Amino acid sequence: MIAEEPVAPRPQVDRLRVLFVGRLVYYKGIEVLLDAIEGHDRFEVTIVGDGSLRESIRERVAASAELSKQVTLIHGASERR
């Protein structure tokens, strides 16, 4: 018989962190992510990237008191080939 070790309890988490890294284009679902977290102050989101939606995401975050507390927007690295 194998002795079972007690499982340590999970630490209590106040905020959940979400990291998105990628091109900011419509089919990546960034708007869906923002819709999902808006009004839920448990989430802290960092978005890293550039793309056609960057300016509209920046404007949306700036216009929302809730999102501006939750979302950090960082420019992505340029693509090198």
PDB file of N, CA and C in Angstrom:
ATOM      1  N   MET A   1       0.834  -1.167   0.000  1.00  0.00           N
ATOM      2  CA  MET A   1       0.000   0.000   0.000  1.00  0.00           C
ATOM      3  C   MET A   1       0.890   1.245   0.000  1.00  0.00           C
ATOM      4  N   ILE A   2       0.526   2.211  -0.788  1.00  0.00           N
ATOM      5  CA  ILE A   2       1.276   3.460  -0.881  1.00  0.00           C
ATOM      6  C   ILE A   2       0.661   4.473   0.080  1.00  0.00           C
ATOM      7  N   ALA A   3       1.496   5.049   0.895  1.00  0.00           N
ATOM      8  CA  ALA A   3       1.007   6.062   1.840  1.00  0.00           C
ATOM      9  C   ALA A   3       0.761   7.361   1.085  1.00  0.00           C
ATOM     10  N   GLU A   4      -0.387   7.938   1.307  1.00  0.00           N
ATOM     11  CA  GLU A   4      -0.716   9.204   0.657  1.00  0.00           C
ATOM     12  C   GLU A   4      -0.223  10.360   1.510  1.00  0.00           C
ATOM     13  N   GLU A   5       0.429  11.291   0.826  1.00  0.00           N
ATOM     14  CA  GLU A   5       0.886  12.490   1.514  1.00  0.00           C
ATOM     15  C   GLU A   5      -0.218  13.538   1.452  1.00  0.00           C
ATOM     16  N   PRO A   6      -0.361  14.299   2.504  1.00  0.00           N
ATOM     17  CA  PRO A   6      -1.393  15.337   2.473  1.00  0.00           C
ATOM     18  C   PRO A   6      -1.080  16.373   1.401  1.00  0.00           C
ATOM     19  N   VAL A   7      -2.103  16.852   0.758  1.00  0.00           N
ATOM     20  CA  VAL A   7      -1.962  17.857  -0.282  1.00  0.00           C
ATOM     21  C   VAL A   7      -1.989  19.230   0.376  1.00  0.00           C
ATOM     22  N   ALA A   8      -1.009  20.038   0.030  1.00  0.00           N
ATOM     23  CA  ALA A   8      -0.952  21.390   0.599  1.00  0.00           C
ATOM     24  C   ALA A   8      -2.104  22.217   0.033  1.00  0.00           C
ATOM     25  N   PRO A   9      -2.760  22.999   0.849  1.00  0.00           N
ATOM     26  CA  PRO A   9      -3.844  23.834   0.355  1.00  0.00           C
ATOM     27  C   PRO A   9      -3.312  24.887  -0.615  1.00  0.00           C
ATOM     28  N   ARG A  10      -4.116  25.231  -1.600  1.00  0.00           N
ATOM     29  CA  ARG A  10      -3.732  26.265  -2.554  1.00  0.00           C
ATOM     30  C   ARG A  10      -3.740  27.623  -1.858  1.00  0.00           C
ATOM     31  N   PRO A  11      -2.771  28.454  -2.204  1.00  0.00           N
ATOM     32  CA  PRO A  11      -2.770  29.792  -1.603  1.00  0.00           C
ATOM     33  C   PRO A  11      -3.967  30.599  -2.115  1.00  0.00           C
ATOM     34  N   GLN A  12      -4.476  31.464  -1.278  1.00  0.00           N
ATOM     35  CA  GLN A  12      -5.605  32.314  -1.665  1.00  0.00           C
ATOM     36  C   GLN A  12      -5.098  33.361  -2.648  1.00  0.00           C
ATOM     37  N   VAL A  13      -5.766  33.500  -3.774  1.00  0.00           N
ATOM     38  CA  VAL A  13      -5.360  34.440  -4.816  1.00  0.00           C
ATOM     39  C   VAL A  13      -6.400  35.549  -4.902  1.00  0.00           C
ATOM     40  N   ASP A  14      -5.922  36.784  -4.771  1.00  0.00           N
ATOM     41  CA  ASP A  14      -6.832  37.920  -4.869  1.00  0.00           C
ATOM     42  C   ASP A  14      -7.136  38.275  -6.315  1.00  0.00           C
ATOM     43  N   ARG A  15      -6.116  38.252  -7.167  1.00  0.00           N
ATOM     44  CA  ARG A  15      -6.304  38.635  -8.564  1.00  0.00           C
ATOM     45  C   ARG A  15      -5.747  37.546  -9.473  1.00  0.00           C
ATOM     46  N   LEU A  16      -6.423  37.339 -10.568  1.00  0.00           N
ATOM     47  CA  LEU A  16      -5.972  36.382 -11.570  1.00  0.00           C
ATOM     48  C   LEU A  16      -5.276  37.156 -12.683  1.00  0.00           C
ATOM     49  N   ARG A  17      -4.091  36.707 -13.059  1.00  0.00           N
ATOM     50  CA  ARG A  17      -3.318  37.389 -14.094  1.00  0.00           C
ATOM     51  C   ARG A  17      -3.473  36.666 -15.422  1.00  0.00           C
ATOM     52  N   VAL A  18      -3.710  37.473 -16.461  1.00  0.00           N
ATOM     53  CA  VAL A  18      -3.843  36.953 -17.817  1.00  0.00           C
ATOM     54  C   VAL A  18      -2.808  37.661 -18.678  1.00  0.00           C
ATOM     55  N   LEU A  19      -2.068  36.902 -19.480  1.00  0.00           N
ATOM     56  CA  LEU A  19      -1.076  37.467 -20.393  1.00  0.00           C
ATOM     57  C   LEU A  19      -1.449  37.072 -21.807  1.00  0.00           C
ATOM     58  N   PHE A  20      -1.582  38.081 -22.681  1.00  0.00           N
ATOM     59  CA  PHE A  20      -1.790  37.837 -24.108  1.00  0.00           C
ATOM     60  C   PHE A  20      -0.569  38.378 -24.826  1.00  0.00           C
ATOM     61  N   VAL A  21       0.043  37.540 -25.675  1.00  0.00           N
ATOM     62  CA  VAL A  21       1.158  37.963 -26.505  1.00  0.00           C
ATOM     63  C   VAL A  21       0.833  37.558 -27.924  1.00  0.00           C
ATOM     64  N   GLY A  22       0.752  38.540 -28.823  1.00  0.00           N
ATOM     65  CA  GLY A  22       0.450  38.220 -30.210  1.00  0.00           C
ATOM     66  C   GLY A  22       0.059  39.450 -30.999  1.00  0.00           C
ATOM     67  N   ARG A  23      -0.272  39.213 -32.253  1.00  0.00           N
ATOM     68  CA  ARG A  23      -0.728  40.316 -33.095  1.00  0.00           C
ATOM     69  C   ARG A  23      -2.133  40.721 -32.665  1.00  0.00           C
ATOM     70  N   LEU A  24      -2.368  42.015 -32.654  1.00  0.00           N
ATOM     71  CA  LEU A  24      -3.663  42.531 -32.234  1.00  0.00           C
ATOM     72  C   LEU A  24      -4.542  42.681 -33.472  1.00  0.00           C
ATOM     73  N   VAL A  25      -5.156  41.574 -33.860  1.00  0.00           N
ATOM     74  CA  VAL A  25      -6.047  41.520 -35.014  1.00  0.00           C
ATOM     75  C   VAL A  25      -7.366  40.893 -34.570  1.00  0.00           C
ATOM     76  N   TYR A  26      -8.425  41.143 -35.330  1.00  0.00           N
ATOM     77  CA  TYR A  26      -9.780  40.781 -34.902  1.00  0.00           C
ATOM     78  C   TYR A  26      -9.967  39.305 -34.577  1.00  0.00           C
ATOM     79  N   TYR A  27      -9.332  38.419 -35.327  1.00  0.00           N
ATOM     80  CA  TYR A  27      -9.598  36.987 -35.134  1.00  0.00           C
ATOM     81  C   TYR A  27      -8.857  36.388 -33.937  1.00  0.00           C
ATOM     82  N   LYS A  28      -8.065  37.181 -33.234  1.00  0.00           N
ATOM     83  CA  LYS A  28      -7.397  36.689 -32.021  1.00  0.00           C
ATOM     84  C   LYS A  28      -8.303  36.790 -30.788  1.00  0.00           C
ATOM     85  N   GLY A  29      -9.392  37.561 -30.886  1.00  0.00           N
ATOM     86  CA  GLY A  29     -10.375  37.599 -29.807  1.00  0.00           C
ATOM     87  C   GLY A  29     -10.058  38.533 -28.651  1.00  0.00           C
ATOM     88  N   ILE A  30      -9.256  39.557 -28.891  1.00  0.00           N
ATOM     89  CA  ILE A  30      -8.923  40.488 -27.810  1.00  0.00           C
ATOM     90  C   ILE A  30     -10.173  41.189 -27.293  1.00  0.00           C
ATOM     91  N   GLU A  31     -11.088  41.550 -28.192  1.00  0.00           N
ATOM     92  CA  GLU A  31     -12.329  42.206 -27.760  1.00  0.00           C
ATOM     93  C   GLU A  31     -13.142  41.294 -26.855  1.00  0.00           C
ATOM     94  N   VAL A  32     -13.132  39.999 -27.155  1.00  0.00           N
ATOM     95  CA  VAL A  32     -13.849  39.027 -26.330  1.00  0.00           C
ATOM     96  C   VAL A  32     -13.228  38.976 -24.933  1.00  0.00           C
ATOM     97  N   LEU A  33     -11.909  38.995 -24.877  1.00  0.00           N
ATOM     98  CA  LEU A  33     -11.213  39.011 -23.589  1.00  0.00           C
ATOM     99  C   LEU A  33     -11.596  40.253 -22.787  1.00  0.00           C
ATOM    100  N   LEU A  34     -11.588  41.423 -23.427  1.00  0.00           N
ATOM    101  CA  LEU A  34     -11.945  42.659 -22.727  1.00  0.00           C
ATOM    102  C   LEU A  34     -13.396  42.636 -22.268  1.00  0.00           C
ATOM    103  N   ASP A  35     -14.300  42.125 -23.118  1.00  0.00           N
ATOM    104  CA  ASP A  35     -15.708  41.990 -22.719  1.00  0.00           C
ATOM    105  C   ASP A  35     -15.846  41.096 -21.498  1.00  0.00           C
ATOM    106  N   ALA A  36     -15.076  40.030 -21.470  1.00  0.00           N
ATOM    107  CA  ALA A  36     -15.188  39.037 -20.394  1.00  0.00           C
ATOM    108  C   ALA A  36     -14.701  39.579 -19.051  1.00  0.00           C
ATOM    109  N   ILE A  37     -13.667  40.398 -19.055  1.00  0.00           N
ATOM    110  CA  ILE A  37     -13.111  40.862 -17.783  1.00  0.00           C
ATOM    111  C   ILE A  37     -13.729  42.159 -17.287  1.00  0.00           C
ATOM    112  N   GLU A  38     -14.335  42.916 -18.175  1.00  0.00           N
ATOM    113  CA  GLU A  38     -14.881  44.219 -17.768  1.00  0.00           C
ATOM    114  C   GLU A  38     -15.956  44.018 -16.706  1.00  0.00           C
ATOM    115  N   GLY A  39     -15.806  44.699 -15.607  1.00  0.00           N
ATOM    116  CA  GLY A  39     -16.750  44.548 -14.512  1.00  0.00           C
ATOM    117  C   GLY A  39     -16.380  43.473 -13.511  1.00  0.00           C
ATOM    118  N   HIS A  40     -15.307  42.746 -13.788  1.00  0.00           N
ATOM    119  CA  HIS A  40     -14.831  41.706 -12.877  1.00  0.00           C
ATOM    120  C   HIS A  40     -13.434  42.106 -12.417  1.00  0.00           C
ATOM    121  N   ASP A  41     -13.346  42.768 -11.302  1.00  0.00           N
ATOM    122  CA  ASP A  41     -12.069  43.343 -10.871  1.00  0.00           C
ATOM    123  C   ASP A  41     -11.044  42.324 -10.378  1.00  0.00           C
ATOM    124  N   ARG A  42     -11.364  41.060 -10.467  1.00  0.00           N
ATOM    125  CA  ARG A  42     -10.407  40.017 -10.071  1.00  0.00           C
ATOM    126  C   ARG A  42      -9.307  39.804 -11.095  1.00  0.00           C
ATOM    127  N   PHE A  43      -9.486  40.329 -12.296  1.00  0.00           N
ATOM    128  CA  PHE A  43      -8.550  40.046 -13.384  1.00  0.00           C
ATOM    129  C   PHE A  43      -7.572  41.194 -13.604  1.00  0.00           C
ATOM    130  N   GLU A  44      -6.333  40.817 -13.867  1.00  0.00           N
ATOM    131  CA  GLU A  44      -5.273  41.750 -14.227  1.00  0.00           C
ATOM    132  C   GLU A  44      -4.711  41.246 -15.559  1.00  0.00           C
ATOM    133  N   VAL A  45      -4.829  42.052 -16.614  1.00  0.00           N
ATOM    134  CA  VAL A  45      -4.484  41.598 -17.967  1.00  0.00           C
ATOM    135  C   VAL A  45      -3.330  42.421 -18.523  1.00  0.00           C
ATOM    136  N   THR A  46      -2.350  41.731 -19.078  1.00  0.00           N
ATOM    137  CA  THR A  46      -1.263  42.376 -19.801  1.00  0.00           C
ATOM    138  C   THR A  46      -1.359  41.926 -21.253  1.00  0.00           C
ATOM    139  N   ILE A  47      -1.426  42.899 -22.152  1.00  0.00           N
ATOM    140  CA  ILE A  47      -1.510  42.621 -23.588  1.00  0.00           C
ATOM    141  C   ILE A  47      -0.225  43.130 -24.225  1.00  0.00           C
ATOM    142  N   VAL A  48       0.507  42.213 -24.866  1.00  0.00           N
ATOM    143  CA  VAL A  48       1.757  42.557 -25.529  1.00  0.00           C
ATOM    144  C   VAL A  48       1.583  42.305 -27.015  1.00  0.00           C
ATOM    145  N   GLY A  49       1.752  43.349 -27.817  1.00  0.00           N
ATOM    146  CA  GLY A  49       1.658  43.149 -29.254  1.00  0.00           C
ATOM    147  C   GLY A  49       1.330  44.422 -29.996  1.00  0.00           C
ATOM    148  N   ASP A  50       1.337  44.300 -31.286  1.00  0.00           N
ATOM    149  CA  ASP A  50       0.968  45.378 -32.200  1.00  0.00           C
ATOM    150  C   ASP A  50       0.069  44.787 -33.265  1.00  0.00           C
ATOM    151  N   GLY A  51      -0.653  45.655 -33.941  1.00  0.00           N
ATOM    152  CA  GLY A  51      -1.523  45.193 -35.013  1.00  0.00           C
ATOM    153  C   GLY A  51      -2.611  46.209 -35.293  1.00  0.00           C
ATOM    154  N   SER A  52      -3.501  45.850 -36.183  1.00  0.00           N
ATOM    155  CA  SER A  52      -4.521  46.781 -36.641  1.00  0.00           C
ATOM    156  C   SER A  52      -5.499  47.214 -35.552  1.00  0.00           C
ATOM    157  N   LEU A  53      -5.632  46.446 -34.478  1.00  0.00           N
ATOM    158  CA  LEU A  53      -6.561  46.815 -33.399  1.00  0.00           C
ATOM    159  C   LEU A  53      -5.891  47.545 -32.241  1.00  0.00           C
ATOM    160  N   ARG A  54      -4.617  47.775 -32.321  1.00  0.00           N
ATOM    161  CA  ARG A  54      -3.905  48.377 -31.188  1.00  0.00           C
ATOM    162  C   ARG A  54      -4.534  49.695 -30.748  1.00  0.00           C
ATOM    163  N   GLU A  55      -4.779  50.587 -31.679  1.00  0.00           N
ATOM    164  CA  GLU A  55      -5.318  51.904 -31.322  1.00  0.00           C
ATOM    165  C   GLU A  55      -6.731  51.807 -30.749  1.00  0.00           C
ATOM    166  N   SER A  56      -7.569  50.963 -31.321  1.00  0.00           N
ATOM    167  CA  SER A  56      -8.937  50.838 -30.790  1.00  0.00           C
ATOM    168  C   SER A  56      -8.938  50.185 -29.408  1.00  0.00           C
ATOM    169  N   ILE A  57      -8.023  49.255 -29.164  1.00  0.00           N
ATOM    170  CA  ILE A  57      -7.907  48.653 -27.835  1.00  0.00           C
ATOM    171  C   ILE A  57      -7.432  49.705 -26.835  1.00  0.00           C
ATOM    172  N   ARG A  58      -6.425  50.485 -27.225  1.00  0.00           N
ATOM    173  CA  ARG A  58      -5.916  51.537 -26.349  1.00  0.00           C
ATOM    174  C   ARG A  58      -7.020  52.533 -25.995  1.00  0.00           C
ATOM    175  N   GLU A  59      -7.813  52.932 -27.000  1.00  0.00           N
ATOM    176  CA  GLU A  59      -8.908  53.877 -26.762  1.00  0.00           C
ATOM    177  C   GLU A  59      -9.975  53.270 -25.855  1.00  0.00           C
ATOM    178  N   ARG A  60     -10.301  52.010 -26.081  1.00  0.00           N
ATOM    179  CA  ARG A  60     -11.323  51.358 -25.247  1.00  0.00           C
ATOM    180  C   ARG A  60     -10.871  51.266 -23.795  1.00  0.00           C
ATOM    181  N   VAL A  61      -9.632  50.898 -23.579  1.00  0.00           N
ATOM    182  CA  VAL A  61      -9.105  50.789 -22.218  1.00  0.00           C
ATOM    183  C   VAL A  61      -9.077  52.165 -21.561  1.00  0.00           C
ATOM    184  N   ALA A  62      -8.645  53.174 -22.294  1.00  0.00           N
ATOM    185  CA  ALA A  62      -8.566  54.527 -21.742  1.00  0.00           C
ATOM    186  C   ALA A  62      -9.952  55.084 -21.397  1.00  0.00           C
ATOM    187  N   ALA A  63     -10.971  54.694 -22.168  1.00  0.00           N
ATOM    188  CA  ALA A  63     -12.330  55.217 -21.961  1.00  0.00           C
ATOM    189  C   ALA A  63     -13.064  54.537 -20.815  1.00  0.00           C
ATOM    190  N   SER A  64     -12.569  53.411 -20.344  1.00  0.00           N
ATOM    191  CA  SER A  64     -13.237  52.655 -19.288  1.00  0.00           C
ATOM    192  C   SER A  64     -12.442  52.746 -17.993  1.00  0.00           C
ATOM    193  N   ALA A  65     -13.072  53.281 -16.949  1.00  0.00           N
ATOM    194  CA  ALA A  65     -12.397  53.366 -15.649  1.00  0.00           C
ATOM    195  C   ALA A  65     -12.018  51.976 -15.142  1.00  0.00           C
ATOM    196  N   GLU A  66     -12.899  50.993 -15.369  1.00  0.00           N
ATOM    197  CA  GLU A  66     -12.621  49.621 -14.921  1.00  0.00           C
ATOM    198  C   GLU A  66     -11.447  49.021 -15.678  1.00  0.00           C
ATOM    199  N   LEU A  67     -11.507  49.083 -17.007  1.00  0.00           N
ATOM    200  CA  LEU A  67     -10.453  48.465 -17.813  1.00  0.00           C
ATOM    201  C   LEU A  67      -9.108  49.160 -17.616  1.00  0.00           C
ATOM    202  N   SER A  68      -9.120  50.471 -17.414  1.00  0.00           N
ATOM    203  CA  SER A  68      -7.841  51.166 -17.247  1.00  0.00           C
ATOM    204  C   SER A  68      -7.131  50.739 -15.968  1.00  0.00           C
ATOM    205  N   LYS A  69      -7.870  50.227 -14.988  1.00  0.00           N
ATOM    206  CA  LYS A  69      -7.264  49.698 -13.765  1.00  0.00           C
ATOM    207  C   LYS A  69      -6.779  48.260 -13.948  1.00  0.00           C
ATOM    208  N   GLN A  70      -7.341  47.558 -14.932  1.00  0.00           N
ATOM    209  CA  GLN A  70      -7.085  46.127 -15.102  1.00  0.00           C
ATOM    210  C   GLN A  70      -6.091  45.788 -16.201  1.00  0.00           C
ATOM    211  N   VAL A  71      -6.002  46.631 -17.229  1.00  0.00           N
ATOM    212  CA  VAL A  71      -5.285  46.260 -18.453  1.00  0.00           C
ATOM    213  C   VAL A  71      -4.018  47.100 -18.618  1.00  0.00           C
ATOM    214  N   THR A  72      -2.928  46.415 -18.928  1.00  0.00           N
ATOM    215  CA  THR A  72      -1.673  47.054 -19.312  1.00  0.00           C
ATOM    216  C   THR A  72      -1.402  46.668 -20.754  1.00  0.00           C
ATOM    217  N   LEU A  73      -1.150  47.661 -21.596  1.00  0.00           N
ATOM    218  CA  LEU A  73      -0.912  47.436 -23.017  1.00  0.00           C
ATOM    219  C   LEU A  73       0.546  47.773 -23.311  1.00  0.00           C
ATOM    220  N   ILE A  74       1.276  46.798 -23.858  1.00  0.00           N
ATOM    221  CA  ILE A  74       2.712  46.953 -24.128  1.00  0.00           C
ATOM    222  C   ILE A  74       2.963  46.690 -25.608  1.00  0.00           C
ATOM    223  N   HIS A  75       3.793  47.551 -26.221  1.00  0.00           N
ATOM    224  CA  HIS A  75       4.165  47.319 -27.631  1.00  0.00           C
ATOM    225  C   HIS A  75       4.930  46.018 -27.764  1.00  0.00           C
ATOM    226  N   GLY A  76       4.658  45.315 -28.845  1.00  0.00           N
ATOM    227  CA  GLY A  76       5.373  44.070 -29.106  1.00  0.00           C
ATOM    228  C   GLY A  76       6.688  44.352 -29.804  1.00  0.00           C
ATOM    229  N   ALA A  77       7.545  43.370 -29.822  1.00  0.00           N
ATOM    230  CA  ALA A  77       8.821  43.486 -30.524  1.00  0.00           C
ATOM    231  C   ALA A  77       8.582  43.406 -32.008  1.00  0.00           C
ATOM    232  N   SER A  78       9.387  44.106 -32.777  1.00  0.00           N
ATOM    233  CA  SER A  78       9.235  44.063 -34.219  1.00  0.00           C
ATOM    234  C   SER A  78       9.637  42.687 -34.734  1.00  0.00           C
ATOM    235  N   GLU A  79       8.992  42.284 -35.807  1.00  0.00           N
ATOM    236  CA  GLU A  79       9.270  40.965 -36.388  1.00  0.00           C
ATOM    237  C   GLU A  79      10.531  41.054 -37.227  1.00  0.00           C
ATOM    238  N   ARG A  80      11.464  40.167 -36.978  1.00  0.00           N
ATOM    239  CA  ARG A  80      12.721  40.143 -37.739  1.00  0.00           C
ATOM    240  C   ARG A  80      12.802  38.847 -38.524  1.00  0.00           C
ATOM    241  N   ARG A  81      13.267  38.971 -39.742  1.00  0.00           N
ATOM    242  CA  ARG A  81      13.415  37.778 -40.584  1.00  0.00           C
ATOM    243  C   ARG A  81      14.809  37.671 -41.100  1.00  0.00           C
TER     244      ARG A  81
END
